[in-house]
Protein backbone atom coordinates (compact mmCIF):
# COMPACT_ATOMS: atom_id res chain seq x y z
CA MET A 1 19.22 16.14 -47.04
CA SER A 2 19.01 12.66 -48.61
CA VAL A 3 19.55 9.67 -46.39
CA SER A 4 20.14 6.25 -47.91
CA ARG A 5 19.31 2.91 -46.46
CA ASN A 6 21.72 0.01 -46.55
CA ASP A 7 19.83 -1.36 -49.57
CA GLY A 8 20.57 1.83 -51.51
CA GLU A 9 17.01 3.14 -51.55
CA THR A 10 16.17 6.59 -50.25
CA SER A 11 14.00 6.62 -47.11
CA PRO A 12 10.47 7.82 -47.98
CA ILE A 13 10.37 10.11 -44.96
CA PHE A 14 12.80 12.43 -46.81
CA ASP A 15 10.85 12.58 -50.09
CA GLY A 16 10.53 16.11 -51.42
CA LEU A 17 13.49 17.57 -49.57
CA THR A 18 16.19 19.34 -51.58
CA PRO A 19 19.63 17.74 -51.12
CA GLY A 20 22.08 20.01 -49.36
CA VAL A 21 25.27 18.60 -50.89
CA PRO A 22 27.54 21.38 -52.24
CA THR A 23 27.77 21.60 -56.06
CA ASP A 24 31.06 21.19 -57.87
CA SER A 25 31.38 24.95 -58.46
CA ARG A 26 30.83 25.69 -54.78
CA ARG A 27 33.33 23.02 -53.81
CA SER A 28 35.88 24.51 -56.17
CA ARG A 29 35.47 28.04 -54.81
CA ARG A 30 35.84 26.79 -51.25
CA ALA A 31 39.04 24.94 -52.15
CA LYS A 32 40.55 28.09 -53.70
CA LEU A 33 39.72 30.12 -50.58
CA ALA A 34 41.36 27.49 -48.41
CA VAL A 35 44.57 27.58 -50.46
CA ALA A 36 44.69 31.39 -50.44
CA ALA A 37 44.44 31.52 -46.67
CA ALA A 38 46.95 28.73 -46.04
CA GLY A 39 49.98 31.01 -45.77
CA ALA A 40 48.58 33.41 -43.19
CA LEU A 41 46.47 31.01 -41.14
CA PRO A 42 47.88 27.52 -41.55
CA ILE A 43 45.79 26.00 -38.75
CA ILE A 44 42.51 27.42 -40.05
CA ALA A 45 43.46 26.55 -43.60
CA ALA A 46 44.18 22.98 -42.65
CA ALA A 47 40.85 22.68 -40.92
CA THR A 48 39.06 24.26 -43.88
CA ALA A 49 40.81 22.00 -46.35
CA SER A 50 39.87 19.02 -44.24
CA LEU A 51 36.25 20.12 -44.21
CA VAL A 52 36.19 20.64 -47.98
CA ALA A 53 37.93 17.38 -48.74
CA GLY A 54 35.87 15.46 -46.23
CA ALA A 55 32.64 13.59 -46.65
CA THR A 56 29.76 15.69 -47.83
CA THR A 57 27.05 13.16 -46.98
CA LEU A 58 25.93 11.70 -43.68
CA PRO A 59 26.64 8.06 -42.86
CA ASP A 60 23.94 5.67 -43.88
CA VAL A 61 21.08 5.68 -41.34
CA ASP A 62 18.22 3.24 -41.20
CA PRO A 63 15.26 5.06 -39.63
CA THR A 64 13.58 1.72 -38.95
CA ASN A 65 16.25 1.01 -36.33
CA LEU A 66 15.57 4.20 -34.36
CA ALA A 67 13.55 3.99 -31.14
CA PRO A 68 10.02 5.35 -31.66
CA ALA A 69 9.27 8.71 -30.05
CA PRO A 70 7.10 8.46 -26.93
CA PRO A 71 3.45 9.35 -27.54
CA GLU A 72 2.37 12.86 -26.67
CA PRO A 73 0.35 12.99 -23.41
CA THR A 74 -3.36 13.56 -23.82
CA PRO A 75 -5.05 16.67 -22.35
CA GLU A 76 -6.63 14.41 -19.73
CA GLU A 77 -3.21 13.08 -18.71
CA LEU A 78 -1.80 16.60 -18.48
CA VAL A 79 -4.44 18.00 -16.13
CA GLY A 80 -4.47 14.69 -14.27
CA ALA A 81 -0.82 15.00 -13.22
CA THR A 82 0.01 14.60 -9.54
CA SER A 83 3.08 15.80 -7.66
CA VAL A 84 5.33 12.96 -6.49
CA LEU A 85 5.89 15.00 -3.33
CA GLY A 86 2.22 14.84 -2.46
CA HIS A 87 1.84 18.61 -2.77
CA VAL A 88 -1.15 20.41 -4.25
CA THR A 89 0.47 23.81 -4.77
CA HIS A 90 3.99 25.18 -5.13
CA THR A 91 5.16 28.66 -4.15
CA VAL A 92 7.72 29.93 -6.65
CA LEU A 93 11.13 30.76 -5.19
CA SER A 94 13.78 33.05 -6.63
CA GLY A 95 15.60 31.43 -9.56
CA GLU A 96 13.02 28.71 -10.21
CA SER A 97 11.64 28.06 -13.69
CA LEU A 98 8.68 26.16 -15.07
CA THR A 99 11.00 23.31 -16.02
CA SER A 100 12.76 23.09 -12.64
CA ILE A 101 9.44 23.17 -10.77
CA ALA A 102 7.97 20.45 -12.99
CA GLU A 103 11.05 18.26 -12.48
CA MET A 104 10.88 18.79 -8.70
CA HIS A 105 7.31 17.50 -8.59
CA GLY A 106 7.84 14.76 -11.17
CA ILE A 107 5.28 16.03 -13.68
CA PRO A 108 5.74 17.09 -17.33
CA THR A 109 6.29 20.78 -17.88
CA ALA A 110 3.33 20.70 -20.25
CA ALA A 111 1.20 19.37 -17.38
CA LEU A 112 2.30 22.23 -15.15
CA LEU A 113 1.22 24.64 -17.87
CA ALA A 114 -2.12 22.86 -18.37
CA LEU A 115 -2.91 22.76 -14.65
CA ASN A 116 -2.35 26.50 -14.35
CA GLY A 117 -3.60 27.69 -17.73
CA LEU A 118 -0.17 29.06 -18.62
CA SER A 119 1.82 29.20 -21.87
CA TRP A 120 5.46 28.46 -22.63
CA GLN A 121 6.10 32.21 -22.73
CA THR A 122 4.86 32.75 -19.16
CA THR A 123 7.29 34.58 -16.87
CA LEU A 124 7.18 33.43 -13.24
CA HIS A 125 7.56 35.75 -10.27
CA GLU A 126 8.72 35.00 -6.77
CA GLY A 127 5.85 34.16 -4.43
CA GLN A 128 3.55 33.03 -7.25
CA ILE A 129 1.46 29.97 -6.33
CA LEU A 130 1.24 27.20 -8.92
CA VAL A 131 -0.99 24.13 -8.94
CA VAL A 132 1.05 20.91 -9.16
CA SER A 133 -1.62 18.23 -8.61
CA LYS A 134 -4.95 17.42 -10.19
CA SER A 135 -6.90 17.61 -6.89
CA HIS A 136 -6.65 21.40 -7.11
CA ARG A 137 -8.06 21.58 -10.62
CA LYS A 138 -11.75 22.31 -9.93
CA PRO A 139 -14.00 25.27 -10.67
CA LEU A 140 -13.75 27.71 -7.77
CA ALA A 141 -17.46 28.37 -7.74
CA GLU A 142 -18.38 24.71 -7.57
CA LYS A 143 -20.73 24.12 -4.67
CA SER A 144 -23.74 21.95 -3.97
CA ASP A 145 -26.10 21.07 -1.15
CA SER A 146 -24.33 17.75 -0.65
CA LEU A 147 -20.59 18.14 -0.28
CA PRO A 148 -18.38 16.29 -2.78
CA GLY A 149 -16.38 13.24 -1.89
CA LEU A 150 -13.19 13.47 0.11
CA GLU A 151 -10.66 13.34 -2.72
CA GLU A 152 -12.87 15.30 -5.13
CA SER A 153 -13.62 18.24 -2.87
CA PRO A 154 -12.40 21.38 -4.65
CA LEU A 155 -10.02 23.87 -3.10
CA LEU A 156 -9.81 27.60 -3.53
CA GLU A 157 -6.61 29.26 -4.74
CA SER A 158 -5.68 30.22 -1.18
CA GLY A 159 -6.00 26.61 -0.09
CA ILE A 160 -9.46 26.96 1.43
CA ARG A 161 -11.76 23.97 1.06
CA ALA A 162 -14.67 25.01 -1.12
CA ASN A 163 -17.37 23.83 1.25
CA ASP A 164 -20.11 26.12 2.42
CA LEU A 165 -17.89 28.93 3.69
CA SER A 166 -20.76 30.88 5.23
CA GLY A 167 -19.63 29.63 8.62
CA VAL A 168 -16.11 31.05 8.28
CA ALA A 169 -16.28 33.87 10.79
CA ASP A 170 -12.85 35.41 10.36
CA GLY A 171 -13.38 36.55 6.79
CA GLY A 172 -10.45 34.55 5.44
CA VAL A 173 -7.77 35.98 7.74
CA VAL A 174 -4.99 33.49 8.45
CA SER A 175 -3.91 33.43 12.09
CA PRO A 176 -0.14 33.69 12.60
CA MET A 177 1.64 30.80 14.27
CA SER A 178 4.09 30.88 17.15
CA ALA A 179 7.00 28.44 17.21
CA GLU A 180 5.10 26.26 19.70
CA MET A 181 1.98 26.24 17.54
CA ALA A 182 3.99 25.30 14.44
CA THR A 183 5.75 22.47 16.26
CA ASN A 184 2.48 20.96 17.45
CA ALA A 185 0.82 21.47 14.07
CA ARG A 186 3.65 19.56 12.38
CA ILE A 187 3.14 16.67 14.81
CA ILE A 188 -0.58 16.52 14.01
CA ILE A 189 0.17 16.60 10.28
CA GLN A 190 2.84 13.90 10.60
CA VAL A 191 0.58 11.60 12.62
CA GLY A 192 -2.22 12.14 10.13
CA ARG A 193 0.09 11.22 7.25
CA GLU A 194 1.29 8.10 9.08
CA LEU A 195 -2.32 6.99 9.60
CA GLY A 196 -3.23 7.68 5.98
CA VAL A 197 -5.64 10.50 6.85
CA PRO A 198 -6.42 12.69 3.80
CA ASN A 199 -5.88 16.44 3.84
CA TYR A 200 -9.40 17.32 4.91
CA GLY A 201 -9.15 15.13 8.01
CA ILE A 202 -5.87 16.77 8.97
CA VAL A 203 -7.45 20.20 8.47
CA ILE A 204 -10.26 19.21 10.84
CA ALA A 205 -7.69 18.11 13.42
CA LEU A 206 -5.72 21.37 13.11
CA ALA A 207 -8.88 23.47 13.40
CA THR A 208 -9.98 21.47 16.44
CA ALA A 209 -6.66 21.85 18.25
CA ALA A 210 -6.58 25.55 17.37
CA GLN A 211 -9.98 26.08 18.96
CA GLU A 212 -9.38 23.89 22.01
CA SER A 213 -5.86 25.00 22.97
CA HIS A 214 -4.56 27.41 20.31
CA LEU A 215 -2.28 24.51 19.40
CA ARG A 216 -0.58 24.61 22.79
CA ASN A 217 0.06 21.53 24.91
CA LEU A 218 -1.80 22.81 27.97
CA ASP A 219 -1.55 21.21 31.42
CA TYR A 220 -4.93 22.64 32.43
CA GLY A 221 -8.44 23.11 31.03
CA ASP A 222 -12.12 22.77 31.76
CA ARG A 223 -12.48 20.27 34.60
CA ASP A 224 -9.81 17.62 33.92
CA SER A 225 -9.18 18.51 30.26
CA VAL A 226 -5.53 18.78 29.18
CA GLY A 227 -3.38 18.80 26.06
CA LEU A 228 -3.78 19.96 22.47
CA PHE A 229 -7.33 18.68 22.07
CA GLN A 230 -8.39 19.19 25.70
CA GLN A 231 -9.10 15.51 26.09
CA ARG A 232 -10.30 14.29 29.49
CA PRO A 233 -8.90 11.30 31.37
CA SER A 234 -12.28 10.85 32.99
CA SER A 235 -13.85 10.33 29.56
CA GLY A 236 -11.51 7.53 28.59
CA TRP A 237 -8.96 9.44 26.50
CA GLY A 238 -6.01 8.18 28.55
CA THR A 239 -3.91 9.30 31.47
CA ILE A 240 -2.79 12.90 31.88
CA SER A 241 0.76 12.01 30.85
CA GLN A 242 -0.50 10.16 27.79
CA ILE A 243 -2.82 12.96 26.68
CA ARG A 244 -0.05 15.52 27.08
CA ASP A 245 2.04 13.58 24.57
CA PRO A 246 1.12 15.40 21.31
CA ARG A 247 1.55 12.28 19.19
CA TYR A 248 -0.69 10.25 21.47
CA ALA A 249 -3.29 13.03 21.56
CA ALA A 250 -3.33 13.29 17.76
CA ARG A 251 -3.71 9.53 17.33
CA ALA A 252 -6.55 9.54 19.84
CA PHE A 253 -8.31 12.36 18.01
CA PHE A 254 -8.02 10.62 14.63
CA GLY A 255 -9.08 7.28 16.12
CA GLY A 256 -9.80 4.49 13.67
CA PRO A 257 -7.52 1.43 13.43
CA GLY A 258 -4.59 3.42 14.88
CA SER A 259 -6.45 4.61 17.96
CA PRO A 260 -4.61 4.22 21.30
CA THR A 261 -8.02 3.89 22.99
CA PRO A 262 -9.87 1.34 20.82
CA GLY A 263 -13.46 0.97 21.89
CA GLY A 264 -13.04 3.59 24.60
CA THR A 265 -13.48 6.82 22.63
CA MET A 266 -14.69 7.78 19.15
CA GLY A 267 -12.16 9.51 16.94
CA LEU A 268 -12.70 11.30 13.65
CA LEU A 269 -12.18 8.18 11.53
CA ASP A 270 -14.81 6.40 13.58
CA VAL A 271 -17.48 8.97 12.65
CA SER A 272 -19.59 7.73 9.75
CA GLY A 273 -19.60 10.17 6.83
CA TRP A 274 -17.18 12.65 8.36
CA GLN A 275 -15.74 13.32 4.88
CA HIS A 276 -18.99 15.01 3.88
CA MET A 277 -19.42 17.09 7.05
CA SER A 278 -18.40 20.68 7.61
CA VAL A 279 -15.34 21.26 9.79
CA SER A 280 -17.50 22.24 12.76
CA LYS A 281 -19.82 19.25 12.50
CA ALA A 282 -16.97 16.76 12.09
CA ALA A 283 -14.97 18.24 14.98
CA GLN A 284 -18.03 18.39 17.22
CA SER A 285 -18.76 14.71 16.51
CA VAL A 286 -15.50 13.96 18.34
CA GLN A 287 -15.21 16.76 20.88
CA ARG A 288 -18.78 17.20 22.17
CA SER A 289 -18.05 20.84 22.90
CA ALA A 290 -20.39 23.37 24.51
CA PHE A 291 -19.53 25.63 21.53
CA PRO A 292 -20.15 23.38 18.50
CA ASP A 293 -19.81 26.11 15.87
CA ALA A 294 -16.56 27.58 17.16
CA TYR A 295 -14.33 25.36 15.00
CA ALA A 296 -15.47 26.92 11.70
CA LYS A 297 -13.48 30.11 12.16
CA TRP A 298 -10.22 28.12 12.03
CA GLU A 299 -10.83 26.38 8.70
CA VAL A 300 -9.11 29.00 6.54
CA SER A 301 -6.06 29.10 8.80
CA ALA A 302 -5.91 25.30 9.03
CA TRP A 303 -5.71 24.92 5.25
CA HIS A 304 -2.92 27.48 5.03
CA TRP A 305 -1.03 25.88 7.90
CA LEU A 306 -1.25 22.49 6.22
CA PHE A 307 0.23 23.79 2.97
CA ASP A 308 2.83 25.96 4.67
CA LEU A 309 4.15 23.22 6.95
CA THR A 310 4.34 20.39 4.39
């Protein structure tokens, strides 16, 4: 179709295209058909006659006045997309599509495809897990003697941190949660988010509380230990009533600038290099347990709990 500028010249972007304007013979045949049908279908005939008699060319358009199309995202930008919800994965629900999931997480649909190695023809199924943030896009077999940095540490498809998993004693089985456990886990996750603790630190906290109390706010323990993390008043963690406040206990475990016991106890954020430690070593640096390797068996469950509850 030919489009003319205001100066009468044809836009070069349409060079080589065959004009689609009806010829005189075609216009004549259409007019005769319209007249023949006028008696039986006056409304249709009127519309047809109007179409035939109407303009056969588009209004003048100046392509130079049109807004330029946005540039296509680069492959690096696609696989570097990050969910605006802060999620790493998304579990597909009934009725969801690639487009609706991408919109929910604020990433281009093309990025969702690139992150998951999918095509536009992919059919989703309920329960399917999709990656929605770049932090999940790492080779599953990646492993080294020195653990990667906090934000770069790769995750397995199930949500397991790809550290040295030789210490995971439960073989990858996720422990079920009671209502009480889920409530306390959510508090730990919320406090961690408020303090700006990355996912790995929250996983360490969940694994620690799971080992110490099975995520129950106990009013008893070894010697004077109480609460989710079995913290002891005699060791400077606070009073019994304070420690049995799950939010207080979580803040005390994380420590750092938000610690309720500054200078009195060492929390996770006060441990130098905790980001590069295994779950057991990091937890033990805070807890000083008689069973330093017991925390490892909760790592798989802790990752799943974190994803399931956020």
